[in-house]
PDB file of N, CA and C in Angstrom:
ATOM      1  N   ILE A   1       0.716  -1.102  -0.215  1.00  0.00           N
ATOM      2  CA  ILE A   1       0.018  -0.027  -0.019  1.00  0.00           C
ATOM      3  C   ILE A   1       0.774   1.363   0.404  1.00  0.00           C
ATOM      4  N   CYS A   2       0.765   2.125  -1.009  1.00  0.00           N
ATOM      5  CA  CYS A   2       1.221   3.386  -0.863  1.00  0.00           C
ATOM      6  C   CYS A   2       0.370   5.098  -1.324  1.00  0.00           C
ATOM      7  N   GLY A   3       0.694   5.320  -1.765  1.00  0.00           N
ATOM      8  CA  GLY A   3      -0.541   6.749  -1.840  1.00  0.00           C
ATOM      9  C   GLY A   3      -1.118   5.893  -2.876  1.00  0.00           C
ATOM     10  N   SER A   4      -0.627   6.034  -3.972  1.00  0.00           N
ATOM     11  CA  SER A   4      -0.888   6.106  -5.791  1.00  0.00           C
ATOM     12  C   SER A   4      -1.045   3.964  -5.809  1.00  0.00           C
ATOM     13  N   GLY A   5      -0.173   3.498  -5.154  1.00  0.00           N
ATOM     14  CA  GLY A   5      -0.285   2.114  -5.546  1.00  0.00           C
ATOM     15  C   GLY A   5       0.628   1.892  -6.763  1.00  0.00           C
ATOM     16  N   VAL A   6       1.590   2.840  -7.269  1.00  0.00           N
ATOM     17  CA  VAL A   6       1.855   2.587  -8.395  1.00  0.00           C
ATOM     18  C   VAL A   6       3.409   2.165  -7.684  1.00  0.00           C
ATOM     19  N   GLY A   7       4.188   2.986  -6.533  1.00  0.00           N
ATOM     20  CA  GLY A   7       5.459   2.754  -6.230  1.00  0.00           C
ATOM     21  C   GLY A   7       5.629   1.523  -5.518  1.00  0.00           C
ATOM     22  N   VAL A   8       4.552   0.808  -5.096  1.00  0.00           N
ATOM     23  CA  VAL A   8       4.628   0.236  -4.390  1.00  0.00           C
ATOM     24  C   VAL A   8       4.472  -1.167  -5.675  1.00  0.00           C
ATOM     25  N   ASP A   9       3.606  -0.724  -6.548  1.00  0.00           N
ATOM     26  CA  ASP A   9       4.040  -2.001  -7.767  1.00  0.00           C
ATOM     27  C   ASP A   9       4.762  -2.117  -8.349  1.00  0.00           C
ATOM     28  N   ILE A  10       5.952  -0.770  -8.873  1.00  0.00           N
ATOM     29  CA  ILE A  10       6.520  -0.778  -9.610  1.00  0.00           C
ATOM     30  C   ILE A  10       7.809  -1.868  -8.885  1.00  0.00           C
ATOM     31  N   THR A  11       8.100  -1.564  -7.909  1.00  0.00           N
ATOM     32  CA  THR A  11       9.131  -1.682  -6.549  1.00  0.00           C
ATOM     33  C   THR A  11       9.009  -3.498  -6.567  1.00  0.00           C
ATOM     34  N   ALA A  12       7.857  -3.711  -6.562  1.00  0.00           N
ATOM     35  CA  ALA A  12       7.210  -5.391  -6.255  1.00  0.00           C
ATOM     36  C   ALA A  12       7.659  -6.149  -7.463  1.00  0.00           C
ATOM     37  N   ASN A  13       7.325  -5.293  -8.402  1.00  0.00           N
ATOM     38  CA  ASN A  13       7.698  -5.797  -9.692  1.00  0.00           C
ATOM     39  C   ASN A  13       9.241  -5.970 -10.279  1.00  0.00           C
ATOM     40  N   LYS A  14      10.118  -5.684  -9.094  1.00  0.00           N
ATOM     41  CA  LYS A  14      11.334  -6.012  -9.432  1.00  0.00           C
ATOM     42  C   LYS A  14      12.001  -7.294  -8.956  1.00  0.00           C
ATOM     43  N   PHE A  15      11.403  -7.903  -8.682  1.00  0.00           N
ATOM     44  CA  PHE A  15      11.797  -8.682  -7.430  1.00  0.00           C
ATOM     45  C   PHE A  15      11.116 -10.557  -8.720  1.00  0.00           C
ATOM     46  N   LYS A  16      12.443 -11.204  -8.885  1.00  0.00           N
ATOM     47  CA  LYS A  16      12.223 -12.409  -9.564  1.00  0.00           C
ATOM     48  C   LYS A  16      10.224 -12.729  -9.123  1.00  0.00           C
ATOM     49  N   ASN A  17      10.176 -13.903  -9.710  1.00  0.00           N
ATOM     50  CA  ASN A  17       8.649 -14.261 -10.164  1.00  0.00           C
ATOM     51  C   ASN A  17       7.565 -13.447  -9.487  1.00  0.00           C
ATOM     52  N   VAL A  18       7.186 -12.526  -9.742  1.00  0.00           N
ATOM     53  CA  VAL A  18       6.756 -11.631  -8.906  1.00  0.00           C
ATOM     54  C   VAL A  18       6.008 -10.991  -9.446  1.00  0.00           C
ATOM     55  N   ARG A  19       5.058 -10.757  -9.758  1.00  0.00           N
ATOM     56  CA  ARG A  19       3.645 -10.737 -10.807  1.00  0.00           C
ATOM     57  C   ARG A  19       2.563  -9.727  -9.693  1.00  0.00           C
ATOM     58  N   SER A  20       3.149  -7.908 -10.042  1.00  0.00           N
ATOM     59  CA  SER A  20       2.286  -7.002  -9.207  1.00  0.00           C
ATOM     60  C   SER A  20       1.424  -6.896 -10.044  1.00  0.00           C
ATOM     61  N   ALA A  21       0.006  -6.196  -9.547  1.00  0.00           N
ATOM     62  CA  ALA A  21      -0.571  -5.388  -9.996  1.00  0.00           C
ATOM     63  C   ALA A  21      -1.535  -4.238  -9.066  1.00  0.00           C
ATOM     64  N   VAL A  22      -1.691  -3.004  -9.674  1.00  0.00           N
ATOM     65  CA  VAL A  22      -2.237  -2.117  -8.803  1.00  0.00           C
ATOM     66  C   VAL A  22      -4.194  -2.537  -9.344  1.00  0.00           C
ATOM     67  N   ALA A  23      -5.279  -2.526  -8.130  1.00  0.00           N
ATOM     68  CA  ALA A  23      -6.125  -2.540  -8.420  1.00  0.00           C
ATOM     69  C   ALA A  23      -6.987  -1.644  -7.923  1.00  0.00           C
ATOM     70  N   PHE A  24      -7.679  -0.699  -8.324  1.00  0.00           N
ATOM     71  CA  PHE A  24      -8.745   0.347  -8.276  1.00  0.00           C
ATOM     72  C   PHE A  24     -10.622  -0.738  -7.476  1.00  0.00           C
ATOM     73  N   ASN A  25     -10.507  -1.226  -8.248  1.00  0.00           N
ATOM     74  CA  ASN A  25     -11.900  -2.432  -8.505  1.00  0.00           C
ATOM     75  C   ASN A  25     -12.045  -3.625  -7.513  1.00  0.00           C
ATOM     76  N   PRO A  26     -12.593  -4.449  -7.374  1.00  0.00           N
ATOM     77  CA  PRO A  26     -13.098  -5.723  -7.351  1.00  0.00           C
ATOM     78  C   PRO A  26     -12.792  -6.781  -9.356  1.00  0.00           C
ATOM     79  N   ASP A  27     -12.922  -6.084  -9.270  1.00  0.00           N
ATOM     80  CA  ASP A  27     -13.390  -6.008 -11.357  1.00  0.00           C
ATOM     81  C   ASP A  27     -11.975  -6.527 -11.609  1.00  0.00           C
ATOM     82  N   GLN A  28     -11.242  -5.415 -11.223  1.00  0.00           N
ATOM     83  CA  GLN A  28      -9.331  -5.313 -11.621  1.00  0.00           C
ATOM     84  C   GLN A  28      -9.177  -6.461 -10.666  1.00  0.00           C
ATOM     85  N   ALA A  29      -9.182  -6.345  -9.664  1.00  0.00           N
ATOM     86  CA  ALA A  29      -8.631  -7.742  -8.454  1.00  0.00           C
ATOM     87  C   ALA A  29      -8.976  -9.227  -9.620  1.00  0.00           C
ATOM     88  N   PHE A  30      -9.768  -9.400  -9.482  1.00  0.00           N
ATOM     89  CA  PHE A  30     -10.082 -10.578 -10.312  1.00  0.00           C
ATOM     90  C   PHE A  30      -9.816 -10.965 -11.462  1.00  0.00           C
ATOM     91  N   ALA A  31      -9.323  -9.818 -12.554  1.00  0.00           N
ATOM     92  CA  ALA A  31      -9.019 -10.200 -14.097  1.00  0.00           C
ATOM     93  C   ALA A  31      -7.048 -10.165 -13.305  1.00  0.00           C
ATOM     94  N   SER A  32      -7.059  -9.478 -12.787  1.00  0.00           N
ATOM     95  CA  SER A  32      -5.366  -9.939 -12.058  1.00  0.00           C
ATOM     96  C   SER A  32      -5.115 -11.462 -12.051  1.00  0.00           C
ATOM     97  N   ARG A  33      -5.925 -11.817 -10.945  1.00  0.00           N
ATOM     98  CA  ARG A  33      -5.364 -12.927 -10.472  1.00  0.00           C
ATOM     99  C   ARG A  33      -6.128 -14.132 -11.254  1.00  0.00           C
ATOM    100  N   ASN A  34      -7.023 -14.014 -11.962  1.00  0.00           N
ATOM    101  CA  ASN A  34      -7.566 -14.829 -13.050  1.00  0.00           C
ATOM    102  C   ASN A  34      -6.732 -14.821 -14.436  1.00  0.00           C
ATOM    103  N   ASP A  35      -6.817 -14.109 -15.266  1.00  0.00           N
ATOM    104  CA  ASP A  35      -5.765 -13.692 -16.153  1.00  0.00           C
ATOM    105  C   ASP A  35      -4.888 -13.697 -16.218  1.00  0.00           C
ATOM    106  N   ASP A  36      -4.151 -13.578 -15.482  1.00  0.00           N
ATOM    107  CA  ASP A  36      -2.671 -12.869 -14.838  1.00  0.00           C
ATOM    108  C   ASP A  36      -1.831 -13.772 -13.890  1.00  0.00           C
ATOM    109  N   ASN A  37      -2.477 -14.249 -13.355  1.00  0.00           N
ATOM    110  CA  ASN A  37      -2.114 -14.933 -11.796  1.00  0.00           C
ATOM    111  C   ASN A  37      -1.088 -14.198 -11.043  1.00  0.00           C
ATOM    112  N   THR A  38      -1.567 -12.923 -10.795  1.00  0.00           N
ATOM    113  CA  THR A  38      -0.640 -11.953  -9.880  1.00  0.00           C
ATOM    114  C   THR A  38      -0.436 -12.877  -8.380  1.00  0.00           C
ATOM    115  N   ASN A  39       0.579 -12.755  -7.917  1.00  0.00           N
ATOM    116  CA  ASN A  39       1.006 -12.953  -6.321  1.00  0.00           C
ATOM    117  C   ASN A  39       1.282 -12.189  -5.359  1.00  0.00           C
ATOM    118  N   VAL A  40       1.148 -10.376  -6.129  1.00  0.00           N
ATOM    119  CA  VAL A  40       1.505  -9.597  -5.098  1.00  0.00           C
ATOM    120  C   VAL A  40       0.114  -8.719  -5.679  1.00  0.00           C
ATOM    121  N   LEU A  41      -0.777  -7.679  -4.710  1.00  0.00           N
ATOM    122  CA  LEU A  41      -1.736  -6.785  -4.756  1.00  0.00           C
ATOM    123  C   LEU A  41      -1.035  -5.450  -4.657  1.00  0.00           C
ATOM    124  N   SER A  42      -1.148  -4.436  -5.185  1.00  0.00           N
ATOM    125  CA  SER A  42      -0.761  -3.198  -5.058  1.00  0.00           C
ATOM    126  C   SER A  42      -2.175  -2.399  -4.555  1.00  0.00           C
ATOM    127  N   LEU A  43      -2.419  -1.749  -3.582  1.00  0.00           N
ATOM    128  CA  LEU A  43      -3.100  -0.615  -3.558  1.00  0.00           C
ATOM    129  C   LEU A  43      -2.665   0.980  -2.912  1.00  0.00           C
ATOM    130  N   ALA A  44      -3.987   1.512  -3.615  1.00  0.00           N
ATOM    131  CA  ALA A  44      -3.090   2.791  -3.618  1.00  0.00           C
ATOM    132  C   ALA A  44      -4.203   3.860  -2.500  1.00  0.00           C
ATOM    133  N   ALA A  45      -3.605   4.245  -0.974  1.00  0.00           N
ATOM    134  CA  ALA A  45      -4.360   4.561  -0.051  1.00  0.00           C
ATOM    135  C   ALA A  45      -4.744   5.551  -0.066  1.00  0.00           C
ATOM    136  N   ASP A  46      -4.726   6.656  -1.181  1.00  0.00           N
ATOM    137  CA  ASP A  46      -4.904   8.290  -1.687  1.00  0.00           C
ATOM    138  C   ASP A  46      -6.014   8.127  -2.624  1.00  0.00           C
ATOM    139  N   TYR A  47      -6.613   6.618  -3.426  1.00  0.00           N
ATOM    140  CA  TYR A  47      -8.392   6.778  -3.714  1.00  0.00           C
ATOM    141  C   TYR A  47      -8.952   6.126  -3.635  1.00  0.00           C
ATOM    142  N   LEU A  48      -8.439   4.874  -2.541  1.00  0.00           N
ATOM    143  CA  LEU A  48      -9.241   4.106  -2.030  1.00  0.00           C
ATOM    144  C   LEU A  48      -9.660   4.070  -0.159  1.00  0.00           C
ATOM    145  N   ASP A  49     -10.986   4.009  -0.282  1.00  0.00           N
ATOM    146  CA  ASP A  49     -11.795   3.961   0.919  1.00  0.00           C
ATOM    147  C   ASP A  49     -11.316   2.646   1.723  1.00  0.00           C
ATOM    148  N   GLU A  50     -11.530   2.070   3.445  1.00  0.00           N
ATOM    149  CA  GLU A  50     -11.439   1.175   3.636  1.00  0.00           C
ATOM    150  C   GLU A  50     -12.197   0.101   3.122  1.00  0.00           C
ATOM    151  N   THR A  51     -13.215   0.516   3.211  1.00  0.00           N
ATOM    152  CA  THR A  51     -14.886  -0.365   2.373  1.00  0.00           C
ATOM    153  C   THR A  51     -14.370  -0.785   1.565  1.00  0.00           C
ATOM    154  N   ASP A  52     -13.712   0.079   0.405  1.00  0.00           N
ATOM    155  CA  ASP A  52     -13.536  -0.333  -0.620  1.00  0.00           C
ATOM    156  C   ASP A  52     -12.027  -1.232  -1.309  1.00  0.00           C
ATOM    157  N   ALA A  53     -11.390  -0.757  -0.143  1.00  0.00           N
ATOM    158  CA  ALA A  53      -9.965  -1.955  -0.381  1.00  0.00           C
ATOM    159  C   ALA A  53     -10.002  -2.811   0.204  1.00  0.00           C
ATOM    160  N   LYS A  54     -11.031  -3.467   1.008  1.00  0.00           N
ATOM    161  CA  LYS A  54     -11.623  -5.066   1.545  1.00  0.00           C
ATOM    162  C   LYS A  54     -12.364  -6.043   0.498  1.00  0.00           C
ATOM    163  N   LYS A  55     -13.013  -5.154   0.178  1.00  0.00           N
ATOM    164  CA  LYS A  55     -13.720  -5.640  -0.947  1.00  0.00           C
ATOM    165  C   LYS A  55     -11.986  -6.103  -1.880  1.00  0.00           C
ATOM    166  N   ILE A  56     -11.702  -5.332  -2.257  1.00  0.00           N
ATOM    167  CA  ILE A  56     -10.623  -5.693  -3.809  1.00  0.00           C
ATOM    168  C   ILE A  56      -9.808  -6.595  -3.072  1.00  0.00           C
ATOM    169  N   VAL A  57      -9.361  -6.550  -1.615  1.00  0.00           N
ATOM    170  CA  VAL A  57      -8.990  -7.869  -1.536  1.00  0.00           C
ATOM    171  C   VAL A  57      -9.189  -9.382  -1.523  1.00  0.00           C
ATOM    172  N   SER A  58     -10.699  -8.749  -0.679  1.00  0.00           N
ATOM    173  CA  SER A  58     -11.217 -10.449  -0.788  1.00  0.00           C
ATOM    174  C   SER A  58     -11.601 -10.990  -2.173  1.00  0.00           C
ATOM    175  N   ALA A  59     -11.612  -9.991  -2.900  1.00  0.00           N
ATOM    176  CA  ALA A  59     -11.980 -10.254  -4.428  1.00  0.00           C
ATOM    177  C   ALA A  59     -10.788 -11.224  -4.575  1.00  0.00           C
ATOM    178  N   TRP A  60      -9.589 -10.338  -5.180  1.00  0.00           N
ATOM    179  CA  TRP A  60      -8.230 -10.798  -5.497  1.00  0.00           C
ATOM    180  C   TRP A  60      -7.915 -12.517  -4.131  1.00  0.00           C
ATOM    181  N   LEU A  61      -8.479 -12.489  -3.571  1.00  0.00           N
ATOM    182  CA  LEU A  61      -7.959 -13.566  -2.587  1.00  0.00           C
ATOM    183  C   LEU A  61      -8.849 -14.534  -2.420  1.00  0.00           C
ATOM    184  N   ALA A  62     -10.373 -14.511  -3.303  1.00  0.00           N
ATOM    185  CA  ALA A  62     -10.710 -15.363  -3.647  1.00  0.00           C
ATOM    186  C   ALA A  62     -10.884 -15.959  -5.194  1.00  0.00           C
ATOM    187  N   THR A  63      -9.938 -15.300  -5.631  1.00  0.00           N
ATOM    188  CA  THR A  63      -9.754 -15.687  -7.192  1.00  0.00           C
ATOM    189  C   THR A  63      -8.453 -16.152  -7.524  1.00  0.00           C
ATOM    190  N   PRO A  64      -8.518 -17.704  -7.766  1.00  0.00           N
ATOM    191  CA  PRO A  64      -7.857 -18.616  -8.675  1.00  0.00           C
ATOM    192  C   PRO A  64      -7.296 -18.087  -9.873  1.00  0.00           C
ATOM    193  N   PHE A  65      -5.800 -18.318 -10.310  1.00  0.00           N
ATOM    194  CA  PHE A  65      -5.731 -18.365 -11.903  1.00  0.00           C
ATOM    195  C   PHE A  65      -6.710 -19.302 -12.578  1.00  0.00           C
ATOM    196  N   SER A  66      -7.099 -19.387 -14.302  1.00  0.00           N
ATOM    197  CA  SER A  66      -7.981 -19.832 -14.221  1.00  0.00           C
ATOM    198  C   SER A  66      -7.333 -21.275 -15.505  1.00  0.00           C
ATOM    199  N   GLY A  67      -5.757 -20.558 -15.638  1.00  0.00           N
ATOM    200  CA  GLY A  67      -5.020 -21.688 -16.041  1.00  0.00           C
ATOM    201  C   GLY A  67      -5.466 -22.537 -17.282  1.00  0.00           C
ATOM    202  N   GLU A  68      -6.192 -21.373 -18.032  1.00  0.00           N
ATOM    203  CA  GLU A  68      -6.572 -21.042 -19.547  1.00  0.00           C
ATOM    204  C   GLU A  68      -5.208 -21.220 -20.311  1.00  0.00           C
ATOM    205  N   GLU A  69      -5.821 -21.705 -21.281  1.00  0.00           N
ATOM    206  CA  GLU A  69      -3.944 -21.805 -22.824  1.00  0.00           C
ATOM    207  C   GLU A  69      -3.806 -20.099 -22.777  1.00  0.00           C
ATOM    208  N   ARG A  70      -4.800 -19.506 -23.790  1.00  0.00           N
ATOM    209  CA  ARG A  70      -4.869 -18.222 -23.728  1.00  0.00           C
ATOM    210  C   ARG A  70      -4.033 -17.426 -22.760  1.00  0.00           C
ATOM    211  N   HIS A  71      -4.491 -17.680 -21.613  1.00  0.00           N
ATOM    212  CA  HIS A  71      -3.403 -17.116 -20.163  1.00  0.00           C
ATOM    213  C   HIS A  71      -2.383 -17.332 -19.971  1.00  0.00           C
ATOM    214  N   LEU A  72      -2.331 -18.475 -19.929  1.00  0.00           N
ATOM    215  CA  LEU A  72      -0.864 -19.347 -19.682  1.00  0.00           C
ATOM    216  C   LEU A  72      -0.183 -19.262 -21.239  1.00  0.00           C
ATOM    217  N   ARG A  73      -0.338 -19.179 -22.208  1.00  0.00           N
ATOM    218  CA  ARG A  73       0.541 -18.234 -23.195  1.00  0.00           C
ATOM    219  C   ARG A  73       0.995 -17.082 -23.458  1.00  0.00           C
ATOM    220  N   ARG A  74       0.115 -16.456 -23.036  1.00  0.00           N
ATOM    221  CA  ARG A  74       0.528 -14.705 -22.137  1.00  0.00           C
ATOM    222  C   ARG A  74       1.241 -14.848 -20.828  1.00  0.00           C
ATOM    223  N   LEU A  75       1.275 -15.726 -20.258  1.00  0.00           N
ATOM    224  CA  LEU A  75       2.418 -15.840 -18.832  1.00  0.00           C
ATOM    225  C   LEU A  75       3.980 -15.911 -19.848  1.00  0.00           C
ATOM    226  N   ARG A  76       4.020 -16.664 -20.585  1.00  0.00           N
ATOM    227  CA  ARG A  76       4.911 -17.417 -21.386  1.00  0.00           C
ATOM    228  C   ARG A  76       5.515 -16.148 -21.810  1.00  0.00           C
ATOM    229  N   LYS A  77       5.150 -15.610 -22.531  1.00  0.00           N
ATOM    230  CA  LYS A  77       5.605 -14.101 -23.376  1.00  0.00           C
ATOM    231  C   LYS A  77       5.654 -13.893 -22.271  1.00  0.00           C
ATOM    232  N   ILE A  78       5.549 -13.192 -21.653  1.00  0.00           N
ATOM    233  CA  ILE A  78       6.571 -12.778 -20.486  1.00  0.00           C
ATOM    234  C   ILE A  78       7.689 -12.852 -20.381  1.00  0.00           C
ATOM    235  N   GLU A  79       7.378 -14.362 -19.528  1.00  0.00           N
ATOM    236  CA  GLU A  79       8.528 -14.836 -18.886  1.00  0.00           C
ATOM    237  C   GLU A  79       9.795 -14.410 -20.001  1.00  0.00           C
ATOM    238  N   ASP A  80       9.202 -15.249 -21.452  1.00  0.00           N
ATOM    239  CA  ASP A  80      10.460 -15.058 -22.622  1.00  0.00           C
ATOM    240  C   ASP A  80      10.854 -13.790 -22.326  1.00  0.00           C
ATOM    241  N   LEU A  81       9.921 -12.503 -22.469  1.00  0.00           N
ATOM    242  CA  LEU A  81      10.507 -11.105 -22.625  1.00  0.00           C
ATOM    243  C   LEU A  81      11.579 -11.239 -21.030  1.00  0.00           C
ATOM    244  N   GLU A  82      11.086 -11.104 -20.208  1.00  0.00           N
ATOM    245  CA  GLU A  82      12.160 -11.014 -19.224  1.00  0.00           C
ATOM    246  C   GLU A  82      13.307 -11.954 -18.959  1.00  0.00           C
ATOM    247  N   ARG A  83      13.162 -13.241 -19.693  1.00  0.00           N
ATOM    248  CA  ARG A  83      14.615 -13.551 -20.325  1.00  0.00           C
ATOM    249  C   ARG A  83      15.415 -12.579 -20.833  1.00  0.00           C
ATOM    250  N   ARG A  84      14.945 -12.383 -22.121  1.00  0.00           N
ATOM    251  CA  ARG A  84      15.982 -11.542 -22.803  1.00  0.00           C
ATOM    252  C   ARG A  84      16.290 -10.492 -22.410  1.00  0.00           C
ATOM    253  N   ASN A  85      15.496  -9.689 -21.680  1.00  0.00           N
ATOM    254  CA  ASN A  85      16.122  -8.656 -21.432  1.00  0.00           C
ATOM    255  C   ASN A  85      17.100  -8.555 -19.944  1.00  0.00           C
ATOM    256  N   LEU A  86      17.243  -9.612 -19.744  1.00  0.00           N
ATOM    257  CA  LEU A  86      18.388 -10.041 -17.901  1.00  0.00           C
ATOM    258  C   LEU A  86      19.633 -10.240 -18.768  1.00  0.00           C
ATOM    259  N   LYS A  87      19.483 -10.396 -20.267  1.00  0.00           N
ATOM    260  CA  LYS A  87      20.579 -10.506 -20.998  1.00  0.00           C
ATOM    261  C   LYS A  87      21.806  -9.260 -21.245  1.00  0.00           C
TER     262      LYS A  87
END
């Protein structure tokens, strides 16, 4: 959690095997887990009240990764890009 959510998101994504997403509503939280298998949730303290933050966290925690081939394919592309950029 930080003011905009962006700073913690950028920082978290610097670590190997971390896929962080900023979510401003439960639908984004759901999609980040379902589609992109995020494992870190970043929240914007300056733009969310406690009630909305709890809804977002609950949606994110309750949502498993879909494992759909199109989502797996996307994650493989991201992993390939990360490998190429580490050289």
